[in-house]
Amino acid sequence: MKKILLLCLAVTIVACKGEPKDYVTLSGKIANPDESKTLRIFQGRNYEKTITLNDDGTFKDTLKVIAGDYNFQHGKEFGPIYLKNDNVTSFETDYNSFVDSMEFKGDASDINNFSLKSFLLSKKHFTEDLIANGTKEDFENATKQYKTDYEGLKTKFSDVDSTHIAMMDKNINGTLGQVTKFMSAKLSTRDAMPKGSPSPDFKDYENNAGGNTSLSDLRGKFVYIDVWATWCGPCIKEIPSLKKVEEQFHNKNIEFVSISVDNGRGYKNDAAAAYQGWKKMIVDKELGGIQLMADKAFSSEFMKSYKVNSIPRFILIDPNGNIVSADAPRPSNPALVKLLNELL
């Protein structure tokens, strides 16, 4: 009789626990949400689901997934998330400071918070100011602290499984490799073309407003050059910021010059179509300043002299035709306005 009672008790316990759920429950809140009021969960082309937010930014839904790492998107912001069926996972954040204010709770919160904080390390240490103005020593110090802080995260989140640790190790090393390559190129350019040295010249570039323009025509003013192309996404992204800077320094002793290196890319290698695309974008985007077309795109002597091999690229030249910065801050970087205020 006693054995029967124990067996019944065991069966009751198992029954109460229930079968594992074949879905994950995801909930949370996004303060100051984007007007879209949607949260998209996706994993490449393998999975996608859109969750509709309530008016107050809260959300809750179930998703049937294969355990693994996913991404989510709200408005223009993105973030990483690990999802597994039978888990109850949540996060809260503010759209105005999306990943910075984000915090995960519930199942797999250690994995998610570890991934998130590891991702934020590059933003913390490889700042816009470091990229724009940092020395080799500054970058070496930032790299050292980046590695130290990452090891600290691994200690703090010691319960995270070895698979995710290995994956994040790879991501961290990949990020470090990319930033090092990028920063090395910048430092090399600054060393080769130091402040105060005579600037290379460009001559008779076609001016969208009519005629041709040379750098020497602008002598007596500071010249901020934006090297761009219509097919370049990061270049297009800088346009609103460039317009604001142009407006802020209107009637100051500076000319804003945009030089297109369009050569057919994005137009099936049709140079004529690229030329018309340049003309059209100037109108469509209501571009200001002086709009020029380089004579031989990236092969122009001016571009080769400045070692322009990726865009956007920004150059600042003083009224005497000497280099202020061969790799100046981009318009979206507050360092540019600070620099111009010091000069003008």
C-alpha atoms as a PDB file:
ATOM      1  CA  MET A   1       0.000   0.000   0.000  1.00  0.00           C
ATOM      2  CA  LYS A   2       2.832   2.346   0.898  1.00  0.00           C
ATOM      3  CA  LYS A   3       4.550   1.661  -2.446  1.00  0.00           C
ATOM      4  CA  ILE A   4       1.301   2.387  -4.302  1.00  0.00           C
ATOM      5  CA  LEU A   5       0.957   5.738  -2.495  1.00  0.00           C
ATOM      6  CA  LEU A   6       4.540   6.708  -3.378  1.00  0.00           C
ATOM      7  CA  LEU A   7       3.956   5.763  -7.014  1.00  0.00           C
ATOM      8  CA  CYS A   8       0.787   7.853  -7.159  1.00  0.00           C
ATOM      9  CA  LEU A   9       2.643  10.801  -5.614  1.00  0.00           C
ATOM     10  CA  ALA A  10       5.393  10.533  -8.230  1.00  0.00           C
ATOM     11  CA  VAL A  11       2.852  10.418 -11.041  1.00  0.00           C
ATOM     12  CA  THR A  12       1.088  13.468  -9.594  1.00  0.00           C
ATOM     13  CA  ILE A  13       4.364  15.460  -9.463  1.00  0.00           C
ATOM     14  CA  VAL A  14       5.176  14.619 -13.088  1.00  0.00           C
ATOM     15  CA  ALA A  15       1.648  15.521 -14.158  1.00  0.00           C
ATOM     16  CA  CYS A  16       1.857  18.896 -12.386  1.00  0.00           C
ATOM     17  CA  LYS A  17       5.133  19.711 -14.099  1.00  0.00           C
ATOM     18  CA  GLY A  18       3.596  19.103 -17.517  1.00  0.00           C
ATOM     19  CA  GLU A  19       5.164  18.606 -20.911  1.00  0.00           C
ATOM     20  CA  PRO A  20       7.727  21.166 -22.166  1.00  0.00           C
ATOM     21  CA  LYS A  21       6.050  23.868 -24.226  1.00  0.00           C
ATOM     22  CA  ASP A  22       6.837  23.905 -27.943  1.00  0.00           C
ATOM     23  CA  TYR A  23       7.092  27.714 -27.943  1.00  0.00           C
ATOM     24  CA  VAL A  24       8.906  30.533 -26.192  1.00  0.00           C
ATOM     25  CA  THR A  25       6.965  33.323 -24.492  1.00  0.00           C
ATOM     26  CA  LEU A  26       8.493  36.735 -25.236  1.00  0.00           C
ATOM     27  CA  SER A  27       7.295  39.895 -23.525  1.00  0.00           C
ATOM     28  CA  GLY A  28       8.522  43.310 -22.480  1.00  0.00           C
ATOM     29  CA  LYS A  29       8.209  47.026 -23.021  1.00  0.00           C
ATOM     30  CA  ILE A  30       9.784  49.615 -25.335  1.00  0.00           C
ATOM     31  CA  ALA A  31       9.406  53.133 -23.941  1.00  0.00           C
ATOM     32  CA  ASN A  32       8.978  55.967 -26.469  1.00  0.00           C
ATOM     33  CA  PRO A  33       8.386  53.430 -29.248  1.00  0.00           C
ATOM     34  CA  ASP A  34       8.813  54.090 -32.944  1.00  0.00           C
ATOM     35  CA  GLU A  35       5.622  54.962 -34.808  1.00  0.00           C
ATOM     36  CA  SER A  36       5.660  51.544 -36.489  1.00  0.00           C
ATOM     37  CA  LYS A  37       4.711  49.950 -33.136  1.00  0.00           C
ATOM     38  CA  THR A  38       6.176  46.631 -34.309  1.00  0.00           C
ATOM     39  CA  LEU A  39       8.934  44.322 -33.124  1.00  0.00           C
ATOM     40  CA  ARG A  40      10.413  42.047 -35.803  1.00  0.00           C
ATOM     41  CA  ILE A  41      12.115  38.824 -34.694  1.00  0.00           C
ATOM     42  CA  PHE A  42      14.237  37.160 -37.359  1.00  0.00           C
ATOM     43  CA  GLN A  43      17.094  34.783 -38.070  1.00  0.00           C
ATOM     44  CA  GLY A  44      18.402  35.469 -41.553  1.00  0.00           C
ATOM     45  CA  ARG A  45      15.996  33.877 -44.012  1.00  0.00           C
ATOM     46  CA  ASN A  46      15.207  30.985 -41.699  1.00  0.00           C
ATOM     47  CA  TYR A  47      12.701  32.673 -39.427  1.00  0.00           C
ATOM     48  CA  GLU A  48      10.694  35.872 -39.127  1.00  0.00           C
ATOM     49  CA  LYS A  49       7.767  37.009 -37.024  1.00  0.00           C
ATOM     50  CA  THR A  50       6.373  40.475 -36.343  1.00  0.00           C
ATOM     51  CA  ILE A  51       4.886  41.343 -32.950  1.00  0.00           C
ATOM     52  CA  THR A  52       2.570  44.335 -32.604  1.00  0.00           C
ATOM     53  CA  LEU A  53       3.205  46.599 -29.598  1.00  0.00           C
ATOM     54  CA  ASN A  54       0.420  47.972 -27.451  1.00  0.00           C
ATOM     55  CA  ASP A  55      -0.069  51.738 -27.274  1.00  0.00           C
ATOM     56  CA  ASP A  56       2.073  51.939 -24.127  1.00  0.00           C
ATOM     57  CA  GLY A  57       4.924  50.036 -25.768  1.00  0.00           C
ATOM     58  CA  THR A  58       4.305  46.717 -24.027  1.00  0.00           C
ATOM     59  CA  PHE A  59       4.173  43.440 -25.940  1.00  0.00           C
ATOM     60  CA  LYS A  60       3.683  39.721 -25.379  1.00  0.00           C
ATOM     61  CA  ASP A  61       3.578  36.838 -27.823  1.00  0.00           C
ATOM     62  CA  THR A  62       4.603  33.235 -28.337  1.00  0.00           C
ATOM     63  CA  LEU A  63       7.076  32.042 -30.951  1.00  0.00           C
ATOM     64  CA  LYS A  64       7.867  28.526 -32.099  1.00  0.00           C
ATOM     65  CA  VAL A  65      11.596  28.465 -32.683  1.00  0.00           C
ATOM     66  CA  ILE A  66      14.624  26.241 -33.017  1.00  0.00           C
ATOM     67  CA  ALA A  67      16.879  27.072 -30.084  1.00  0.00           C
ATOM     68  CA  GLY A  68      19.493  29.569 -31.178  1.00  0.00           C
ATOM     69  CA  ASP A  69      20.541  33.166 -31.661  1.00  0.00           C
ATOM     70  CA  TYR A  70      18.137  35.581 -33.317  1.00  0.00           C
ATOM     71  CA  ASN A  71      17.911  39.303 -33.991  1.00  0.00           C
ATOM     72  CA  PHE A  72      15.150  41.773 -33.400  1.00  0.00           C
ATOM     73  CA  GLN A  73      14.341  45.113 -34.973  1.00  0.00           C
ATOM     74  CA  HIS A  74      12.232  48.029 -33.783  1.00  0.00           C
ATOM     75  CA  GLY A  75      12.215  51.067 -36.045  1.00  0.00           C
ATOM     76  CA  LYS A  76      15.819  51.658 -37.055  1.00  0.00           C
ATOM     77  CA  GLU A  77      17.324  49.863 -34.063  1.00  0.00           C
ATOM     78  CA  PHE A  78      18.527  46.260 -33.824  1.00  0.00           C
ATOM     79  CA  GLY A  79      19.583  43.865 -31.086  1.00  0.00           C
ATOM     80  CA  PRO A  80      20.569  40.224 -30.468  1.00  0.00           C
ATOM     81  CA  ILE A  81      18.501  37.667 -28.553  1.00  0.00           C
ATOM     82  CA  TYR A  82      18.764  33.967 -27.718  1.00  0.00           C
ATOM     83  CA  LEU A  83      15.446  32.098 -27.894  1.00  0.00           C
ATOM     84  CA  LYS A  84      14.505  28.563 -26.902  1.00  0.00           C
ATOM     85  CA  ASN A  85      11.137  26.828 -26.724  1.00  0.00           C
ATOM     86  CA  ASP A  86       9.699  26.390 -23.201  1.00  0.00           C
ATOM     87  CA  ASN A  87      11.494  29.566 -22.081  1.00  0.00           C
ATOM     88  CA  VAL A  88       9.835  32.703 -20.741  1.00  0.00           C
ATOM     89  CA  THR A  89      11.998  35.646 -21.797  1.00  0.00           C
ATOM     90  CA  SER A  90      11.504  39.388 -21.531  1.00  0.00           C
ATOM     91  CA  PHE A  91      13.317  42.668 -22.013  1.00  0.00           C
ATOM     92  CA  GLU A  92      12.675  46.358 -21.465  1.00  0.00           C
ATOM     93  CA  THR A  93      14.323  49.330 -23.117  1.00  0.00           C
ATOM     94  CA  ASP A  94      13.860  52.900 -24.325  1.00  0.00           C
ATOM     95  CA  TYR A  95      13.850  53.485 -28.075  1.00  0.00           C
ATOM     96  CA  ASN A  96      15.806  56.724 -27.568  1.00  0.00           C
ATOM     97  CA  SER A  97      18.741  54.781 -26.058  1.00  0.00           C
ATOM     98  CA  PHE A  98      17.943  51.356 -27.392  1.00  0.00           C
ATOM     99  CA  VAL A  99      20.782  48.950 -26.601  1.00  0.00           C
ATOM    100  CA  ASP A 100      22.274  51.193 -23.905  1.00  0.00           C
ATOM    101  CA  SER A 101      19.183  50.992 -21.692  1.00  0.00           C
ATOM    102  CA  MET A 102      18.194  47.411 -22.532  1.00  0.00           C
ATOM    103  CA  GLU A 103      17.945  44.711 -19.866  1.00  0.00           C
ATOM    104  CA  PHE A 104      16.864  41.091 -20.251  1.00  0.00           C
ATOM    105  CA  LYS A 105      15.012  39.086 -17.608  1.00  0.00           C
ATOM    106  CA  GLY A 106      13.644  35.567 -17.308  1.00  0.00           C
ATOM    107  CA  ASP A 107      15.024  32.444 -18.934  1.00  0.00           C
ATOM    108  CA  ALA A 108      18.354  32.783 -20.785  1.00  0.00           C
ATOM    109  CA  SER A 109      18.811  36.269 -19.319  1.00  0.00           C
ATOM    110  CA  ASP A 110      22.470  35.520 -18.560  1.00  0.00           C
ATOM    111  CA  ILE A 111      23.160  34.600 -22.197  1.00  0.00           C
ATOM    112  CA  ASN A 112      21.251  37.613 -23.506  1.00  0.00           C
ATOM    113  CA  ASN A 113      22.744  40.157 -21.118  1.00  0.00           C
ATOM    114  CA  PHE A 114      26.234  38.756 -21.728  1.00  0.00           C
ATOM    115  CA  SER A 115      25.807  39.071 -25.501  1.00  0.00           C
ATOM    116  CA  LEU A 116      24.358  42.566 -25.184  1.00  0.00           C
ATOM    117  CA  LYS A 117      27.050  43.909 -22.859  1.00  0.00           C
ATOM    118  CA  SER A 118      29.785  42.323 -24.977  1.00  0.00           C
ATOM    119  CA  PHE A 119      28.331  44.083 -28.009  1.00  0.00           C
ATOM    120  CA  LEU A 120      28.349  47.431 -26.174  1.00  0.00           C
ATOM    121  CA  LEU A 121      32.055  47.200 -25.350  1.00  0.00           C
ATOM    122  CA  SER A 122      33.120  48.347 -28.822  1.00  0.00           C
ATOM    123  CA  LYS A 123      30.862  51.397 -28.551  1.00  0.00           C
ATOM    124  CA  LYS A 124      32.320  52.200 -25.135  1.00  0.00           C
ATOM    125  CA  HIS A 125      35.996  51.956 -26.070  1.00  0.00           C
ATOM    126  CA  PHE A 126      36.197  52.673 -29.809  1.00  0.00           C
ATOM    127  CA  THR A 127      34.469  56.043 -29.649  1.00  0.00           C
ATOM    128  CA  GLU A 128      33.875  58.522 -32.462  1.00  0.00           C
ATOM    129  CA  ASP A 129      36.407  60.853 -30.834  1.00  0.00           C
ATOM    130  CA  LEU A 130      39.031  58.102 -30.787  1.00  0.00           C
ATOM    131  CA  ILE A 131      38.411  57.261 -34.439  1.00  0.00           C
ATOM    132  CA  ALA A 132      38.486  60.935 -35.461  1.00  0.00           C
ATOM    133  CA  ASN A 133      41.354  62.237 -33.321  1.00  0.00           C
ATOM    134  CA  GLY A 134      43.024  59.354 -31.499  1.00  0.00           C
ATOM    135  CA  THR A 135      46.736  58.612 -31.638  1.00  0.00           C
ATOM    136  CA  LYS A 136      48.345  55.201 -31.951  1.00  0.00           C
ATOM    137  CA  GLU A 137      48.883  55.185 -28.177  1.00  0.00           C
ATOM    138  CA  ASP A 138      45.225  56.114 -27.561  1.00  0.00           C
ATOM    139  CA  PHE A 139      44.099  53.218 -29.741  1.00  0.00           C
ATOM    140  CA  GLU A 140      46.463  50.743 -28.060  1.00  0.00           C
ATOM    141  CA  ASN A 141      45.122  51.759 -24.642  1.00  0.00           C
ATOM    142  CA  ALA A 142      41.523  51.419 -25.831  1.00  0.00           C
ATOM    143  CA  THR A 143      42.269  47.964 -27.251  1.00  0.00           C
ATOM    144  CA  LYS A 144      43.853  46.816 -23.988  1.00  0.00           C
ATOM    145  CA  GLN A 145      40.880  48.023 -21.932  1.00  0.00           C
ATOM    146  CA  TYR A 146      38.449  46.449 -24.418  1.00  0.00           C
ATOM    147  CA  LYS A 147      40.059  43.048 -23.880  1.00  0.00           C
ATOM    148  CA  THR A 148      40.190  43.509 -20.099  1.00  0.00           C
ATOM    149  CA  ASP A 149      36.525  44.467 -19.860  1.00  0.00           C
ATOM    150  CA  TYR A 150      35.503  41.502 -21.995  1.00  0.00           C
ATOM    151  CA  GLU A 151      37.362  39.093 -19.710  1.00  0.00           C
ATOM    152  CA  GLY A 152      35.539  40.755 -16.820  1.00  0.00           C
ATOM    153  CA  LEU A 153      32.191  40.041 -18.465  1.00  0.00           C
ATOM    154  CA  LYS A 154      33.099  36.371 -18.877  1.00  0.00           C
ATOM    155  CA  THR A 155      33.853  36.225 -15.161  1.00  0.00           C
ATOM    156  CA  LYS A 156      30.622  38.009 -14.251  1.00  0.00           C
ATOM    157  CA  PHE A 157      28.481  35.776 -16.466  1.00  0.00           C
ATOM    158  CA  SER A 158      30.252  32.548 -15.569  1.00  0.00           C
ATOM    159  CA  ASP A 159      27.086  30.456 -16.022  1.00  0.00           C
ATOM    160  CA  VAL A 160      26.921  31.151 -19.761  1.00  0.00           C
ATOM    161  CA  ASP A 161      27.529  27.939 -21.708  1.00  0.00           C
ATOM    162  CA  SER A 162      30.834  27.294 -23.459  1.00  0.00           C
ATOM    163  CA  THR A 163      29.242  27.411 -26.921  1.00  0.00           C
ATOM    164  CA  HIS A 164      28.123  31.009 -26.464  1.00  0.00           C
ATOM    165  CA  ILE A 165      31.438  31.964 -24.875  1.00  0.00           C
ATOM    166  CA  ALA A 166      33.301  30.557 -27.885  1.00  0.00           C
ATOM    167  CA  MET A 167      30.960  32.334 -30.274  1.00  0.00           C
ATOM    168  CA  MET A 168      31.420  35.650 -28.465  1.00  0.00           C
ATOM    169  CA  ASP A 169      35.205  35.151 -28.359  1.00  0.00           C
ATOM    170  CA  LYS A 170      35.088  34.881 -32.144  1.00  0.00           C
ATOM    171  CA  ASN A 171      32.904  38.002 -32.448  1.00  0.00           C
ATOM    172  CA  ILE A 172      35.151  40.002 -30.137  1.00  0.00           C
ATOM    173  CA  ASN A 173      38.277  39.004 -32.048  1.00  0.00           C
ATOM    174  CA  GLY A 174      36.539  39.754 -35.337  1.00  0.00           C
ATOM    175  CA  THR A 175      35.508  43.216 -34.157  1.00  0.00           C
ATOM    176  CA  LEU A 176      39.006  43.897 -32.890  1.00  0.00           C
ATOM    177  CA  GLY A 177      40.490  42.839 -36.227  1.00  0.00           C
ATOM    178  CA  GLN A 178      38.141  45.090 -38.206  1.00  0.00           C
ATOM    179  CA  VAL A 179      38.669  48.125 -35.972  1.00  0.00           C
ATOM    180  CA  THR A 180      42.437  47.615 -35.966  1.00  0.00           C
ATOM    181  CA  LYS A 181      42.539  47.458 -39.772  1.00  0.00           C
ATOM    182  CA  PHE A 182      40.313  50.528 -40.056  1.00  0.00           C
ATOM    183  CA  MET A 183      42.244  52.556 -37.474  1.00  0.00           C
ATOM    184  CA  SER A 184      45.623  51.537 -38.896  1.00  0.00           C
ATOM    185  CA  ALA A 185      44.614  52.923 -42.286  1.00  0.00           C
ATOM    186  CA  LYS A 186      43.510  56.198 -40.696  1.00  0.00           C
ATOM    187  CA  LEU A 187      46.708  56.578 -38.693  1.00  0.00           C
ATOM    188  CA  SER A 188      48.775  55.788 -41.772  1.00  0.00           C
ATOM    189  CA  THR A 189      46.960  58.493 -43.747  1.00  0.00           C
ATOM    190  CA  ARG A 190      47.471  61.070 -40.988  1.00  0.00           C
ATOM    191  CA  ASP A 191      51.165  60.233 -40.749  1.00  0.00           C
ATOM    192  CA  ALA A 192      51.645  60.448 -44.528  1.00  0.00           C
ATOM    193  CA  MET A 193      49.706  63.717 -44.839  1.00  0.00           C
ATOM    194  CA  PRO A 194      50.267  65.663 -41.607  1.00  0.00           C
ATOM    195  CA  LYS A 195      48.541  68.863 -40.602  1.00  0.00           C
ATOM    196  CA  GLY A 196      50.121  71.914 -42.221  1.00  0.00           C
ATOM    197  CA  SER A 197      51.476  70.139 -45.284  1.00  0.00           C
ATOM    198  CA  PRO A 198      50.372  71.389 -48.737  1.00  0.00           C
ATOM    199  CA  SER A 199      47.215  69.721 -49.976  1.00  0.00           C
ATOM    200  CA  PRO A 200      47.150  67.827 -53.269  1.00  0.00           C
ATOM    201  CA  ASP A 201      45.130  69.713 -55.863  1.00  0.00           C
ATOM    202  CA  PHE A 202      42.193  68.848 -58.074  1.00  0.00           C
ATOM    203  CA  LYS A 203      41.698  70.719 -61.321  1.00  0.00           C
ATOM    204  CA  ASP A 204      38.715  71.424 -63.531  1.00  0.00           C
ATOM    205  CA  TYR A 205      36.221  69.058 -61.915  1.00  0.00           C
ATOM    206  CA  GLU A 206      32.771  69.422 -63.449  1.00  0.00           C
ATOM    207  CA  ASN A 207      30.540  71.621 -61.316  1.00  0.00           C
ATOM    208  CA  ASN A 208      26.858  70.679 -61.278  1.00  0.00           C
ATOM    209  CA  ALA A 209      25.998  74.392 -61.174  1.00  0.00           C
ATOM    210  CA  GLY A 210      27.889  74.906 -64.439  1.00  0.00           C
ATOM    211  CA  GLY A 211      31.495  75.142 -65.591  1.00  0.00           C
ATOM    212  CA  ASN A 212      34.495  73.591 -63.876  1.00  0.00           C
ATOM    213  CA  THR A 213      36.047  74.116 -60.448  1.00  0.00           C
ATOM    214  CA  SER A 214      39.586  73.629 -59.131  1.00  0.00           C
ATOM    215  CA  LEU A 215      40.754  73.591 -55.536  1.00  0.00           C
ATOM    216  CA  SER A 216      42.799  76.716 -56.237  1.00  0.00           C
ATOM    217  CA  ASP A 217      39.555  78.580 -57.024  1.00  0.00           C
ATOM    218  CA  LEU A 218      38.612  78.218 -53.365  1.00  0.00           C
ATOM    219  CA  ARG A 219      41.853  79.635 -51.949  1.00  0.00           C
ATOM    220  CA  GLY A 220      41.217  82.073 -49.091  1.00  0.00           C
ATOM    221  CA  LYS A 221      38.572  79.885 -47.452  1.00  0.00           C
ATOM    222  CA  PHE A 222      38.534  76.695 -45.449  1.00  0.00           C
ATOM    223  CA  VAL A 223      37.363  73.816 -47.627  1.00  0.00           C
ATOM    224  CA  TYR A 224      35.520  70.800 -46.198  1.00  0.00           C
ATOM    225  CA  ILE A 225      35.460  68.035 -48.798  1.00  0.00           C
ATOM    226  CA  ASP A 226      33.030  65.118 -48.804  1.00  0.00           C
ATOM    227  CA  VAL A 227      34.089  62.302 -51.133  1.00  0.00           C
ATOM    228  CA  TRP A 228      30.981  60.229 -51.885  1.00  0.00           C
ATOM    229  CA  ALA A 229      28.946  58.312 -54.478  1.00  0.00           C
ATOM    230  CA  THR A 230      25.249  57.742 -55.113  1.00  0.00           C
ATOM    231  CA  TRP A 231      25.593  53.967 -54.503  1.00  0.00           C
ATOM    232  CA  CYS A 232      27.263  54.428 -51.087  1.00  0.00           C
ATOM    233  CA  GLY A 233      24.783  53.833 -48.239  1.00  0.00           C
ATOM    234  CA  PRO A 234      26.965  55.338 -45.465  1.00  0.00           C
ATOM    235  CA  CYS A 235      27.517  58.397 -47.697  1.00  0.00           C
ATOM    236  CA  ILE A 236      23.774  58.921 -48.107  1.00  0.00           C
ATOM    237  CA  LYS A 237      23.296  58.487 -44.367  1.00  0.00           C
ATOM    238  CA  GLU A 238      25.596  61.477 -43.746  1.00  0.00           C
ATOM    239  CA  ILE A 239      23.590  63.862 -45.961  1.00  0.00           C
ATOM    240  CA  PRO A 240      21.137  65.130 -43.290  1.00  0.00           C
ATOM    241  CA  SER A 241      24.014  65.826 -40.884  1.00  0.00           C
ATOM    242  CA  LEU A 242      26.023  67.529 -43.620  1.00  0.00           C
ATOM    243  CA  LYS A 243      23.075  69.820 -44.379  1.00  0.00           C
ATOM    244  CA  LYS A 244      22.846  70.811 -40.717  1.00  0.00           C
ATOM    245  CA  VAL A 245      26.563  71.624 -40.557  1.00  0.00           C
ATOM    246  CA  GLU A 246      26.334  73.636 -43.784  1.00  0.00           C
ATOM    247  CA  GLU A 247      23.426  75.618 -42.345  1.00  0.00           C
ATOM    248  CA  GLN A 248      25.206  76.175 -39.024  1.00  0.00           C
ATOM    249  CA  PHE A 249      28.287  77.623 -40.733  1.00  0.00           C
ATOM    250  CA  HIS A 250      26.480  79.510 -43.481  1.00  0.00           C
ATOM    251  CA  ASN A 251      28.197  82.839 -44.265  1.00  0.00           C
ATOM    252  CA  LYS A 252      31.357  81.693 -42.457  1.00  0.00           C
ATOM    253  CA  ASN A 253      34.718  81.528 -44.206  1.00  0.00           C
ATOM    254  CA  ILE A 254      34.257  77.945 -45.395  1.00  0.00           C
ATOM    255  CA  GLU A 255      33.118  76.133 -48.523  1.00  0.00           C
ATOM    256  CA  PHE A 256      31.468  72.723 -48.386  1.00  0.00           C
ATOM    257  CA  VAL A 257      32.486  70.686 -51.416  1.00  0.00           C
ATOM    258  CA  SER A 258      31.066  67.275 -52.328  1.00  0.00           C
ATOM    259  CA  ILE A 259      33.069  65.290 -54.887  1.00  0.00           C
ATOM    260  CA  SER A 260      31.350  62.308 -56.484  1.00  0.00           C
ATOM    261  CA  VAL A 261      33.423  59.276 -57.494  1.00  0.00           C
ATOM    262  CA  ASP A 262      30.501  57.637 -59.325  1.00  0.00           C
ATOM    263  CA  ASN A 263      31.892  55.389 -62.040  1.00  0.00           C
ATOM    264  CA  GLY A 264      29.026  53.083 -62.986  1.00  0.00           C
ATOM    265  CA  ARG A 265      28.720  50.980 -59.853  1.00  0.00           C
ATOM    266  CA  GLY A 266      25.057  50.506 -59.040  1.00  0.00           C
ATOM    267  CA  TYR A 267      24.193  51.298 -62.661  1.00  0.00           C
ATOM    268  CA  LYS A 268      25.354  48.047 -64.318  1.00  0.00           C
ATOM    269  CA  ASN A 269      28.752  49.677 -64.906  1.00  0.00           C
ATOM    270  CA  ASP A 270      27.107  52.231 -67.183  1.00  0.00           C
ATOM    271  CA  ALA A 271      29.087  55.461 -66.641  1.00  0.00           C
ATOM    272  CA  ALA A 272      26.503  57.566 -68.481  1.00  0.00           C
ATOM    273  CA  ALA A 273      23.708  56.244 -66.257  1.00  0.00           C
ATOM    274  CA  ALA A 274      25.856  56.898 -63.178  1.00  0.00           C
ATOM    275  CA  TYR A 275      26.379  60.483 -64.314  1.00  0.00           C
ATOM    276  CA  GLN A 276      22.626  61.001 -64.682  1.00  0.00           C
ATOM    277  CA  GLY A 277      22.098  59.315 -61.317  1.00  0.00           C
ATOM    278  CA  TRP A 278      24.473  61.856 -59.754  1.00  0.00           C
ATOM    279  CA  LYS A 279      22.553  64.731 -61.329  1.00  0.00           C
ATOM    280  CA  LYS A 280      19.238  63.293 -60.204  1.00  0.00           C
ATOM    281  CA  MET A 281      20.315  62.717 -56.598  1.00  0.00           C
ATOM    282  CA  ILE A 282      21.527  66.298 -56.262  1.00  0.00           C
ATOM    283  CA  VAL A 283      17.992  67.404 -57.115  1.00  0.00           C
ATOM    284  CA  ASP A 284      16.117  64.691 -55.213  1.00  0.00           C
ATOM    285  CA  LYS A 285      18.147  65.132 -52.012  1.00  0.00           C
ATOM    286  CA  GLU A 286      18.318  68.926 -52.424  1.00  0.00           C
ATOM    287  CA  LEU A 287      22.073  68.821 -51.925  1.00  0.00           C
ATOM    288  CA  GLY A 288      23.760  72.106 -51.082  1.00  0.00           C
ATOM    289  CA  GLY A 289      27.337  73.312 -51.199  1.00  0.00           C
ATOM    290  CA  ILE A 290      29.506  72.849 -54.283  1.00  0.00           C
ATOM    291  CA  GLN A 291      28.724  69.620 -56.126  1.00  0.00           C
ATOM    292  CA  LEU A 292      31.601  68.293 -58.241  1.00  0.00           C
ATOM    293  CA  MET A 293      32.297  65.146 -60.265  1.00  0.00           C
ATOM    294  CA  ALA A 294      35.831  63.688 -60.069  1.00  0.00           C
ATOM    295  CA  ASP A 295      37.445  63.292 -63.494  1.00  0.00           C
ATOM    296  CA  LYS A 296      38.436  59.617 -63.059  1.00  0.00           C
ATOM    297  CA  ALA A 297      36.525  58.488 -59.968  1.00  0.00           C
ATOM    298  CA  PHE A 298      38.861  56.652 -57.553  1.00  0.00           C
ATOM    299  CA  SER A 299      41.648  56.802 -60.152  1.00  0.00           C
ATOM    300  CA  SER A 300      41.757  60.596 -60.058  1.00  0.00           C
ATOM    301  CA  GLU A 301      45.139  61.983 -59.020  1.00  0.00           C
ATOM    302  CA  PHE A 302      43.519  63.834 -56.117  1.00  0.00           C
ATOM    303  CA  MET A 303      41.947  60.603 -54.800  1.00  0.00           C
ATOM    304  CA  LYS A 304      45.166  58.616 -55.214  1.00  0.00           C
ATOM    305  CA  SER A 305      47.194  61.337 -53.486  1.00  0.00           C
ATOM    306  CA  TYR A 306      44.846  61.242 -50.486  1.00  0.00           C
ATOM    307  CA  LYS A 307      44.764  57.429 -50.628  1.00  0.00           C
ATOM    308  CA  VAL A 308      40.972  57.391 -50.897  1.00  0.00           C
ATOM    309  CA  ASN A 309      40.038  53.714 -51.160  1.00  0.00           C
ATOM    310  CA  SER A 310      36.775  53.758 -49.205  1.00  0.00           C
ATOM    311  CA  ILE A 311      33.978  56.257 -48.791  1.00  0.00           C
ATOM    312  CA  PRO A 312      32.630  58.406 -47.324  1.00  0.00           C
ATOM    313  CA  ARG A 313      35.867  60.257 -46.752  1.00  0.00           C
ATOM    314  CA  PHE A 314      36.165  63.791 -45.425  1.00  0.00           C
ATOM    315  CA  ILE A 315      39.054  66.214 -45.854  1.00  0.00           C
ATOM    316  CA  LEU A 316      39.590  69.677 -44.368  1.00  0.00           C
ATOM    317  CA  ILE A 317      41.907  72.235 -45.995  1.00  0.00           C
ATOM    318  CA  ASP A 318      42.839  75.700 -44.687  1.00  0.00           C
ATOM    319  CA  PRO A 319      42.631  79.055 -46.584  1.00  0.00           C
ATOM    320  CA  ASN A 320      46.284  78.752 -47.636  1.00  0.00           C
ATOM    321  CA  GLY A 321      45.711  75.377 -49.286  1.00  0.00           C
ATOM    322  CA  ASN A 322      47.334  73.390 -46.472  1.00  0.00           C
ATOM    323  CA  ILE A 323      45.925  70.273 -44.842  1.00  0.00           C
ATOM    324  CA  VAL A 324      44.038  70.666 -41.575  1.00  0.00           C
ATOM    325  CA  SER A 325      42.979  67.006 -41.594  1.00  0.00           C
ATOM    326  CA  ALA A 326      43.439  64.431 -44.333  1.00  0.00           C
ATOM    327  CA  ASP A 327      40.827  62.331 -42.561  1.00  0.00           C
ATOM    328  CA  ALA A 328      38.445  64.822 -40.978  1.00  0.00           C
ATOM    329  CA  PRO A 329      35.473  63.948 -38.733  1.00  0.00           C
ATOM    330  CA  ARG A 330      32.296  63.079 -40.595  1.00  0.00           C
ATOM    331  CA  PRO A 331      29.275  65.439 -40.318  1.00  0.00           C
ATOM    332  CA  SER A 332      27.413  63.175 -37.877  1.00  0.00           C
ATOM    333  CA  ASN A 333      30.369  63.292 -35.468  1.00  0.00           C
ATOM    334  CA  PRO A 334      30.117  66.197 -32.956  1.00  0.00           C
ATOM    335  CA  ALA A 335      33.903  66.468 -33.244  1.00  0.00           C
ATOM    336  CA  LEU A 336      33.449  68.216 -36.618  1.00  0.00           C
ATOM    337  CA  VAL A 337      31.411  71.113 -35.221  1.00  0.00           C
ATOM    338  CA  LYS A 338      33.863  71.434 -32.341  1.00  0.00           C
ATOM    339  CA  LEU A 339      36.778  71.596 -34.782  1.00  0.00           C
ATOM    340  CA  LEU A 340      35.088  74.146 -37.061  1.00  0.00           C
ATOM    341  CA  ASN A 341      34.143  76.344 -34.116  1.00  0.00           C
ATOM    342  CA  GLU A 342      37.802  76.425 -33.125  1.00  0.00           C
ATOM    343  CA  LEU A 343      38.869  77.435 -36.648  1.00  0.00           C
ATOM    344  CA  LEU A 344      36.136  79.842 -37.734  1.00  0.00           C
END
